Amino acid sequence: MTIAGIVAALAVGLAVGALGRLVVPGRAAVPLWLTMTIGAVAALLGAITAWLAGVQGFSLLALVVQAGLAAVGVVIVVATAGRERSEPR
């Protein structure tokens, strides 16, 4: 994995994190900086996953994996944050 790949993964993650709040309807209980951080971390995990799968260099497949993992991570965090826990009976 190169420095350019890491920088690209961070850029993809930050963009997906910023745009990810638009996907989930309603008011988000998660701050913007947290969604962008989740997106960046998930995109880095996507870059590592693509690299371990043998995708070398800057490719469309690596970008799709990065953006996909970042989107899933952001949607999960935004959708589950702020939900009230039910009290045990």
PDB file of N, CA and C in Angstrom:
ATOM      1  N   MET A   1       0.852  -1.170   0.000  1.00  0.00           N
ATOM      2  CA  MET A   1       0.000   0.000   0.000  1.00  0.00           C
ATOM      3  C   MET A   1       0.901   1.236   0.000  1.00  0.00           C
ATOM      4  N   THR A   2       0.579   2.177  -0.833  1.00  0.00           N
ATOM      5  CA  THR A   2       1.397   3.383  -0.967  1.00  0.00           C
ATOM      6  C   THR A   2       0.773   4.536  -0.194  1.00  0.00           C
ATOM      7  N   ILE A   3       1.541   5.594  -0.072  1.00  0.00           N
ATOM      8  CA  ILE A   3       1.049   6.807   0.579  1.00  0.00           C
ATOM      9  C   ILE A   3      -0.119   7.389  -0.212  1.00  0.00           C
ATOM     10  N   ALA A   4      -0.023   7.329  -1.533  1.00  0.00           N
ATOM     11  CA  ALA A   4      -1.115   7.834  -2.369  1.00  0.00           C
ATOM     12  C   ALA A   4      -2.395   7.042  -2.134  1.00  0.00           C
ATOM     13  N   GLY A   5      -2.283   5.742  -1.923  1.00  0.00           N
ATOM     14  CA  GLY A   5      -3.453   4.920  -1.638  1.00  0.00           C
ATOM     15  C   GLY A   5      -4.083   5.269  -0.308  1.00  0.00           C
ATOM     16  N   ILE A   6      -3.248   5.553   0.679  1.00  0.00           N
ATOM     17  CA  ILE A   6      -3.752   5.937   1.996  1.00  0.00           C
ATOM     18  C   ILE A   6      -4.443   7.295   1.933  1.00  0.00           C
ATOM     19  N   VAL A   7      -3.828   8.234   1.230  1.00  0.00           N
ATOM     20  CA  VAL A   7      -4.423   9.563   1.085  1.00  0.00           C
ATOM     21  C   VAL A   7      -5.745   9.481   0.320  1.00  0.00           C
ATOM     22  N   ALA A   8      -5.789   8.653  -0.718  1.00  0.00           N
ATOM     23  CA  ALA A   8      -7.028   8.480  -1.479  1.00  0.00           C
ATOM     24  C   ALA A   8      -8.111   7.860  -0.605  1.00  0.00           C
ATOM     25  N   ALA A   9      -7.743   6.883   0.213  1.00  0.00           N
ATOM     26  CA  ALA A   9      -8.717   6.251   1.106  1.00  0.00           C
ATOM     27  C   ALA A   9      -9.252   7.260   2.116  1.00  0.00           C
ATOM     28  N   LEU A  10      -8.374   8.096   2.660  1.00  0.00           N
ATOM     29  CA  LEU A  10      -8.818   9.128   3.600  1.00  0.00           C
ATOM     30  C   LEU A  10      -9.762  10.122   2.927  1.00  0.00           C
ATOM     31  N   ALA A  11      -9.432  10.524   1.709  1.00  0.00           N
ATOM     32  CA  ALA A  11     -10.280  11.476   0.982  1.00  0.00           C
ATOM     33  C   ALA A  11     -11.648  10.865   0.691  1.00  0.00           C
ATOM     34  N   VAL A  12     -11.659   9.611   0.258  1.00  0.00           N
ATOM     35  CA  VAL A  12     -12.927   8.929  -0.016  1.00  0.00           C
ATOM     36  C   VAL A  12     -13.739   8.811   1.271  1.00  0.00           C
ATOM     37  N   GLY A  13     -13.087   8.429   2.345  1.00  0.00           N
ATOM     38  CA  GLY A  13     -13.776   8.261   3.614  1.00  0.00           C
ATOM     39  C   GLY A  13     -14.355   9.551   4.153  1.00  0.00           C
ATOM     40  N   LEU A  14     -13.594  10.627   4.061  1.00  0.00           N
ATOM     41  CA  LEU A  14     -14.096  11.915   4.535  1.00  0.00           C
ATOM     42  C   LEU A  14     -15.282  12.386   3.702  1.00  0.00           C
ATOM     43  N   ALA A  15     -15.207  12.180   2.381  1.00  0.00           N
ATOM     44  CA  ALA A  15     -16.319  12.585   1.514  1.00  0.00           C
ATOM     45  C   ALA A  15     -17.557  11.748   1.790  1.00  0.00           C
ATOM     46  N   VAL A  16     -17.381  10.443   1.930  1.00  0.00           N
ATOM     47  CA  VAL A  16     -18.527   9.577   2.206  1.00  0.00           C
ATOM     48  C   VAL A  16     -19.100   9.890   3.588  1.00  0.00           C
ATOM     49  N   GLY A  17     -18.232  10.169   4.545  1.00  0.00           N
ATOM     50  CA  GLY A  17     -18.700  10.513   5.885  1.00  0.00           C
ATOM     51  C   GLY A  17     -19.508  11.793   5.895  1.00  0.00           C
ATOM     52  N   ALA A  18     -19.066  12.769   5.126  1.00  0.00           N
ATOM     53  CA  ALA A  18     -19.793  14.037   5.062  1.00  0.00           C
ATOM     54  C   ALA A  18     -21.135  13.872   4.354  1.00  0.00           C
ATOM     55  N   LEU A  19     -21.162  13.061   3.306  1.00  0.00           N
ATOM     56  CA  LEU A  19     -22.396  12.863   2.548  1.00  0.00           C
ATOM     57  C   LEU A  19     -23.296  11.792   3.158  1.00  0.00           C
ATOM     58  N   GLY A  20     -22.730  10.967   4.011  1.00  0.00           N
ATOM     59  CA  GLY A  20     -23.489   9.860   4.577  1.00  0.00           C
ATOM     60  C   GLY A  20     -24.654  10.269   5.444  1.00  0.00           C
ATOM     61  N   ARG A  21     -24.561  11.415   6.039  1.00  0.00           N
ATOM     62  CA  ARG A  21     -25.669  11.882   6.881  1.00  0.00           C
ATOM     63  C   ARG A  21     -26.908  12.180   6.064  1.00  0.00           C
ATOM     64  N   LEU A  22     -26.733  12.434   4.778  1.00  0.00           N
ATOM     65  CA  LEU A  22     -27.883  12.720   3.926  1.00  0.00           C
ATOM     66  C   LEU A  22     -28.690  11.462   3.611  1.00  0.00           C
ATOM     67  N   VAL A  23     -28.073  10.299   3.745  1.00  0.00           N
ATOM     68  CA  VAL A  23     -28.727   9.044   3.393  1.00  0.00           C
ATOM     69  C   VAL A  23     -29.777   8.654   4.419  1.00  0.00           C
ATOM     70  N   VAL A  24     -29.467   8.863   5.684  1.00  0.00           N
ATOM     71  CA  VAL A  24     -30.373   8.460   6.751  1.00  0.00           C
ATOM     72  C   VAL A  24     -31.367   9.587   7.005  1.00  0.00           C
ATOM     73  N   PRO A  25     -32.669   9.285   6.905  1.00  0.00           N
ATOM     74  CA  PRO A  25     -33.661  10.345   7.100  1.00  0.00           C
ATOM     75  C   PRO A  25     -33.760  10.771   8.560  1.00  0.00           C
ATOM     76  N   GLY A  26     -34.243  11.973   8.750  1.00  0.00           N
ATOM     77  CA  GLY A  26     -34.414  12.498  10.106  1.00  0.00           C
ATOM     78  C   GLY A  26     -33.178  13.237  10.584  1.00  0.00           C
ATOM     79  N   ARG A  27     -33.296  13.756  11.779  1.00  0.00           N
ATOM     80  CA  ARG A  27     -32.188  14.506  12.369  1.00  0.00           C
ATOM     81  C   ARG A  27     -31.176  13.532  12.946  1.00  0.00           C
ATOM     82  N   ALA A  28     -29.926  13.697  12.573  1.00  0.00           N
ATOM     83  CA  ALA A  28     -28.863  12.806  13.039  1.00  0.00           C
ATOM     84  C   ALA A  28     -28.410  13.223  14.432  1.00  0.00           C
ATOM     85  N   ALA A  29     -28.243  12.234  15.303  1.00  0.00           N
ATOM     86  CA  ALA A  29     -27.782  12.489  16.654  1.00  0.00           C
ATOM     87  C   ALA A  29     -26.273  12.427  16.745  1.00  0.00           C
ATOM     88  N   VAL A  30     -25.612  12.238  15.614  1.00  0.00           N
ATOM     89  CA  VAL A  30     -24.159  12.090  15.568  1.00  0.00           C
ATOM     90  C   VAL A  30     -23.575  13.350  14.934  1.00  0.00           C
ATOM     91  N   PRO A  31     -22.520  13.926  15.530  1.00  0.00           N
ATOM     92  CA  PRO A  31     -21.915  15.120  14.929  1.00  0.00           C
ATOM     93  C   PRO A  31     -21.200  14.801  13.614  1.00  0.00           C
ATOM     94  N   LEU A  32     -21.041  15.826  12.802  1.00  0.00           N
ATOM     95  CA  LEU A  32     -20.413  15.672  11.488  1.00  0.00           C
ATOM     96  C   LEU A  32     -18.996  15.135  11.594  1.00  0.00           C
ATOM     97  N   TRP A  33     -18.232  15.612  12.568  1.00  0.00           N
ATOM     98  CA  TRP A  33     -16.843  15.153  12.684  1.00  0.00           C
ATOM     99  C   TRP A  33     -16.783  13.653  12.949  1.00  0.00           C
ATOM    100  N   LEU A  34     -17.768  13.110  13.666  1.00  0.00           N
ATOM    101  CA  LEU A  34     -17.768  11.677  13.957  1.00  0.00           C
ATOM    102  C   LEU A  34     -18.102  10.864  12.714  1.00  0.00           C
ATOM    103  N   THR A  35     -19.059  11.323  11.921  1.00  0.00           N
ATOM    104  CA  THR A  35     -19.387  10.590  10.699  1.00  0.00           C
ATOM    105  C   THR A  35     -18.219  10.617   9.725  1.00  0.00           C
ATOM    106  N   MET A  36     -17.508  11.733   9.666  1.00  0.00           N
ATOM    107  CA  MET A  36     -16.348  11.806   8.779  1.00  0.00           C
ATOM    108  C   MET A  36     -15.213  10.909   9.286  1.00  0.00           C
ATOM    109  N   THR A  37     -15.047  10.834  10.598  1.00  0.00           N
ATOM    110  CA  THR A  37     -14.015   9.959  11.157  1.00  0.00           C
ATOM    111  C   THR A  37     -14.353   8.497  10.900  1.00  0.00           C
ATOM    112  N   ILE A  38     -15.604   8.117  11.107  1.00  0.00           N
ATOM    113  CA  ILE A  38     -16.038   6.743  10.838  1.00  0.00           C
ATOM    114  C   ILE A  38     -15.825   6.424   9.357  1.00  0.00           C
ATOM    115  N   GLY A  39     -16.171   7.343   8.490  1.00  0.00           N
ATOM    116  CA  GLY A  39     -15.974   7.134   7.053  1.00  0.00           C
ATOM    117  C   GLY A  39     -14.509   6.948   6.693  1.00  0.00           C
ATOM    118  N   ALA A  40     -13.637   7.758   7.291  1.00  0.00           N
ATOM    119  CA  ALA A  40     -12.207   7.655   6.991  1.00  0.00           C
ATOM    120  C   ALA A  40     -11.627   6.338   7.490  1.00  0.00           C
ATOM    121  N   VAL A  41     -11.993   5.934   8.692  1.00  0.00           N
ATOM    122  CA  VAL A  41     -11.482   4.673   9.241  1.00  0.00           C
ATOM    123  C   VAL A  41     -11.994   3.487   8.425  1.00  0.00           C
ATOM    124  N   ALA A  42     -13.271   3.509   8.074  1.00  0.00           N
ATOM    125  CA  ALA A  42     -13.830   2.415   7.287  1.00  0.00           C
ATOM    126  C   ALA A  42     -13.210   2.368   5.887  1.00  0.00           C
ATOM    127  N   ALA A  43     -12.933   3.513   5.298  1.00  0.00           N
ATOM    128  CA  ALA A  43     -12.287   3.533   3.983  1.00  0.00           C
ATOM    129  C   ALA A  43     -10.854   3.009   4.067  1.00  0.00           C
ATOM    130  N   LEU A  44     -10.156   3.318   5.147  1.00  0.00           N
ATOM    131  CA  LEU A  44      -8.813   2.746   5.332  1.00  0.00           C
ATOM    132  C   LEU A  44      -8.896   1.231   5.472  1.00  0.00           C
ATOM    133  N   LEU A  45      -9.886   0.741   6.192  1.00  0.00           N
ATOM    134  CA  LEU A  45     -10.085  -0.709   6.276  1.00  0.00           C
ATOM    135  C   LEU A  45     -10.413  -1.294   4.903  1.00  0.00           C
ATOM    136  N   GLY A  46     -11.156  -0.563   4.106  1.00  0.00           N
ATOM    137  CA  GLY A  46     -11.445  -0.998   2.739  1.00  0.00           C
ATOM    138  C   GLY A  46     -10.190  -1.047   1.881  1.00  0.00           C
ATOM    139  N   ALA A  47      -9.309  -0.076   2.065  1.00  0.00           N
ATOM    140  CA  ALA A  47      -8.045  -0.073   1.316  1.00  0.00           C
ATOM    141  C   ALA A  47      -7.176  -1.255   1.718  1.00  0.00           C
ATOM    142  N   ILE A  48      -7.141  -1.548   3.011  1.00  0.00           N
ATOM    143  CA  ILE A  48      -6.361  -2.691   3.488  1.00  0.00           C
ATOM    144  C   ILE A  48      -6.962  -3.994   2.980  1.00  0.00           C
ATOM    145  N   THR A  49      -8.286  -4.082   2.998  1.00  0.00           N
ATOM    146  CA  THR A  49      -8.959  -5.281   2.496  1.00  0.00           C
ATOM    147  C   THR A  49      -8.675  -5.492   1.015  1.00  0.00           C
ATOM    148  N   ALA A  50      -8.769  -4.429   0.232  1.00  0.00           N
ATOM    149  CA  ALA A  50      -8.484  -4.537  -1.201  1.00  0.00           C
ATOM    150  C   ALA A  50      -7.030  -4.922  -1.437  1.00  0.00           C
ATOM    151  N   TRP A  51      -6.125  -4.355  -0.658  1.00  0.00           N
ATOM    152  CA  TRP A  51      -4.707  -4.674  -0.799  1.00  0.00           C
ATOM    153  C   TRP A  51      -4.436  -6.133  -0.459  1.00  0.00           C
ATOM    154  N   LEU A  52      -5.068  -6.629   0.620  1.00  0.00           N
ATOM    155  CA  LEU A  52      -4.893  -8.030   1.000  1.00  0.00           C
ATOM    156  C   LEU A  52      -5.523  -8.979  -0.020  1.00  0.00           C
ATOM    157  N   ALA A  53      -6.548  -8.517  -0.731  1.00  0.00           N
ATOM    158  CA  ALA A  53      -7.185  -9.325  -1.763  1.00  0.00           C
ATOM    159  C   ALA A  53      -6.392  -9.319  -3.064  1.00  0.00           C
ATOM    160  N   GLY A  54      -5.336  -8.534  -3.113  1.00  0.00           N
ATOM    161  CA  GLY A  54      -4.475  -8.532  -4.295  1.00  0.00           C
ATOM    162  C   GLY A  54      -4.695  -7.391  -5.262  1.00  0.00           C
ATOM    163  N   VAL A  55      -5.528  -6.451  -4.899  1.00  0.00           N
ATOM    164  CA  VAL A  55      -5.748  -5.291  -5.764  1.00  0.00           C
ATOM    165  C   VAL A  55      -4.589  -4.333  -5.534  1.00  0.00           C
ATOM    166  N   GLN A  56      -3.759  -4.174  -6.540  1.00  0.00           N
ATOM    167  CA  GLN A  56      -2.572  -3.341  -6.415  1.00  0.00           C
ATOM    168  C   GLN A  56      -2.789  -1.991  -7.089  1.00  0.00           C
ATOM    169  N   GLY A  57      -2.247  -0.965  -6.492  1.00  0.00           N
ATOM    170  CA  GLY A  57      -2.293   0.368  -7.080  1.00  0.00           C
ATOM    171  C   GLY A  57      -3.649   1.026  -6.943  1.00  0.00           C
ATOM    172  N   PHE A  58      -3.804   2.097  -7.676  1.00  0.00           N
ATOM    173  CA  PHE A  58      -5.013   2.904  -7.642  1.00  0.00           C
ATOM    174  C   PHE A  58      -5.974   2.354  -8.692  1.00  0.00           C
ATOM    175  N   SER A  59      -7.042   1.712  -8.263  1.00  0.00           N
ATOM    176  CA  SER A  59      -7.974   1.113  -9.214  1.00  0.00           C
ATOM    177  C   SER A  59      -9.408   1.408  -8.816  1.00  0.00           C
ATOM    178  N   LEU A  60     -10.292   1.193  -9.760  1.00  0.00           N
ATOM    179  CA  LEU A  60     -11.711   1.416  -9.520  1.00  0.00           C
ATOM    180  C   LEU A  60     -12.249   0.432  -8.478  1.00  0.00           C
ATOM    181  N   LEU A  61     -11.773  -0.800  -8.522  1.00  0.00           N
ATOM    182  CA  LEU A  61     -12.225  -1.803  -7.553  1.00  0.00           C
ATOM    183  C   LEU A  61     -11.854  -1.394  -6.128  1.00  0.00           C
ATOM    184  N   ALA A  62     -10.649  -0.878  -5.942  1.00  0.00           N
ATOM    185  CA  ALA A  62     -10.229  -0.432  -4.610  1.00  0.00           C
ATOM    186  C   ALA A  62     -11.099   0.728  -4.135  1.00  0.00           C
ATOM    187  N   LEU A  63     -11.420   1.656  -5.022  1.00  0.00           N
ATOM    188  CA  LEU A  63     -12.277   2.784  -4.651  1.00  0.00           C
ATOM    189  C   LEU A  63     -13.686   2.328  -4.284  1.00  0.00           C
ATOM    190  N   VAL A  64     -14.201   1.347  -5.011  1.00  0.00           N
ATOM    191  CA  VAL A  64     -15.542   0.837  -4.721  1.00  0.00           C
ATOM    192  C   VAL A  64     -15.560   0.161  -3.350  1.00  0.00           C
ATOM    193  N   VAL A  65     -14.528  -0.622  -3.046  1.00  0.00           N
ATOM    194  CA  VAL A  65     -14.457  -1.285  -1.744  1.00  0.00           C
ATOM    195  C   VAL A  65     -14.348  -0.244  -0.632  1.00  0.00           C
ATOM    196  N   GLN A  66     -13.512   0.766  -0.822  1.00  0.00           N
ATOM    197  CA  GLN A  66     -13.342   1.818   0.186  1.00  0.00           C
ATOM    198  C   GLN A  66     -14.640   2.572   0.413  1.00  0.00           C
ATOM    199  N   ALA A  67     -15.265   3.003  -0.652  1.00  0.00           N
ATOM    200  CA  ALA A  67     -16.502   3.779  -0.530  1.00  0.00           C
ATOM    201  C   ALA A  67     -17.624   2.923   0.037  1.00  0.00           C
ATOM    202  N   GLY A  68     -17.673   1.664  -0.349  1.00  0.00           N
ATOM    203  CA  GLY A  68     -18.712   0.774   0.161  1.00  0.00           C
ATOM    204  C   GLY A  68     -18.598   0.557   1.659  1.00  0.00           C
ATOM    205  N   LEU A  69     -17.399   0.259   2.139  1.00  0.00           N
ATOM    206  CA  LEU A  69     -17.216   0.064   3.575  1.00  0.00           C
ATOM    207  C   LEU A  69     -17.450   1.356   4.350  1.00  0.00           C
ATOM    208  N   ALA A  70     -17.015   2.471   3.790  1.00  0.00           N
ATOM    209  CA  ALA A  70     -17.239   3.753   4.459  1.00  0.00           C
ATOM    210  C   ALA A  70     -18.733   4.059   4.552  1.00  0.00           C
ATOM    211  N   ALA A  71     -19.461   3.814   3.478  1.00  0.00           N
ATOM    212  CA  ALA A  71     -20.900   4.079   3.484  1.00  0.00           C
ATOM    213  C   ALA A  71     -21.618   3.181   4.481  1.00  0.00           C
ATOM    214  N   VAL A  72     -21.267   1.915   4.502  1.00  0.00           N
ATOM    215  CA  VAL A  72     -21.903   0.990   5.442  1.00  0.00           C
ATOM    216  C   VAL A  72     -21.608   1.413   6.876  1.00  0.00           C
ATOM    217  N   GLY A  73     -20.366   1.764   7.163  1.00  0.00           N
ATOM    218  CA  GLY A  73     -19.993   2.191   8.506  1.00  0.00           C
ATOM    219  C   GLY A  73     -20.744   3.427   8.951  1.00  0.00           C
ATOM    220  N   VAL A  74     -20.831   4.413   8.087  1.00  0.00           N
ATOM    221  CA  VAL A  74     -21.517   5.663   8.436  1.00  0.00           C
ATOM    222  C   VAL A  74     -23.011   5.430   8.624  1.00  0.00           C
ATOM    223  N   VAL A  75     -23.614   4.653   7.746  1.00  0.00           N
ATOM    224  CA  VAL A  75     -25.051   4.393   7.862  1.00  0.00           C
ATOM    225  C   VAL A  75     -25.355   3.643   9.152  1.00  0.00           C
ATOM    226  N   ILE A  76     -24.528   2.665   9.505  1.00  0.00           N
ATOM    227  CA  ILE A  76     -24.754   1.915  10.743  1.00  0.00           C
ATOM    228  C   ILE A  76     -24.654   2.834  11.957  1.00  0.00           C
ATOM    229  N   VAL A  77     -23.633   3.677  11.997  1.00  0.00           N
ATOM    230  CA  VAL A  77     -23.445   4.557  13.151  1.00  0.00           C
ATOM    231  C   VAL A  77     -24.571   5.588  13.250  1.00  0.00           C
ATOM    232  N   VAL A  78     -24.914   6.208  12.137  1.00  0.00           N
ATOM    233  CA  VAL A  78     -25.954   7.238  12.163  1.00  0.00           C
ATOM    234  C   VAL A  78     -27.321   6.636  12.453  1.00  0.00           C
ATOM    235  N   ALA A  79     -27.594   5.457  11.913  1.00  0.00           N
ATOM    236  CA  ALA A  79     -28.904   4.838  12.113  1.00  0.00           C
ATOM    237  C   ALA A  79     -29.087   4.328  13.535  1.00  0.00           C
ATOM    238  N   THR A  80     -28.022   3.888  14.169  1.00  0.00           N
ATOM    239  CA  THR A  80     -28.155   3.322  15.513  1.00  0.00           C
ATOM    240  C   THR A  80     -27.937   4.346  16.619  1.00  0.00           C
ATOM    241  N   ALA A  81     -27.315   5.448  16.328  1.00  0.00           N
ATOM    242  CA  ALA A  81     -27.069   6.469  17.358  1.00  0.00           C
ATOM    243  C   ALA A  81     -28.364   7.197  17.669  1.00  0.00           C
ATOM    244  N   GLY A  82     -28.551   7.481  18.916  1.00  0.00           N
ATOM    245  CA  GLY A  82     -29.707   8.250  19.334  1.00  0.00           C
ATOM    246  C   GLY A  82     -30.958   7.446  19.553  1.00  0.00           C
ATOM    247  N   ARG A  83     -30.906   6.167  19.258  1.00  0.00           N
ATOM    248  CA  ARG A  83     -32.078   5.338  19.547  1.00  0.00           C
ATOM    249  C   ARG A  83     -32.188   5.131  21.041  1.00  0.00           C
ATOM    250  N   GLU A  84     -33.380   5.225  21.529  1.00  0.00           N
ATOM    251  CA  GLU A  84     -33.587   5.017  22.961  1.00  0.00           C
ATOM    252  C   GLU A  84     -33.580   3.532  23.246  1.00  0.00           C
ATOM    253  N   ARG A  85     -32.919   3.184  24.321  1.00  0.00           N
ATOM    254  CA  ARG A  85     -32.882   1.780  24.734  1.00  0.00           C
ATOM    255  C   ARG A  85     -34.146   1.489  25.517  1.00  0.00           C
ATOM    256  N   SER A  86     -34.692   0.328  25.268  1.00  0.00           N
ATOM    257  CA  SER A  86     -35.878  -0.052  26.034  1.00  0.00           C
ATOM    258  C   SER A  86     -35.449  -0.541  27.406  1.00  0.00           C
ATOM    259  N   GLU A  87     -36.240  -0.218  28.379  1.00  0.00           N
ATOM    260  CA  GLU A  87     -35.914  -0.604  29.742  1.00  0.00           C
ATOM    261  C   GLU A  87     -36.325  -2.059  29.977  1.00  0.00           C
ATOM    262  N   PRO A  88     -35.516  -2.797  30.727  1.00  0.00           N
ATOM    263  CA  PRO A  88     -35.892  -4.191  31.014  1.00  0.00           C
ATOM    264  C   PRO A  88     -37.092  -4.235  31.944  1.00  0.00           C
ATOM    265  N   ARG A  89     -37.877  -5.253  31.783  1.00  0.00           N
ATOM    266  CA  ARG A  89     -39.092  -5.374  32.603  1.00  0.00           C
ATOM    267  C   ARG A  89     -38.846  -6.160  33.833  1.00  0.00           C
TER     268      ARG A  89
END
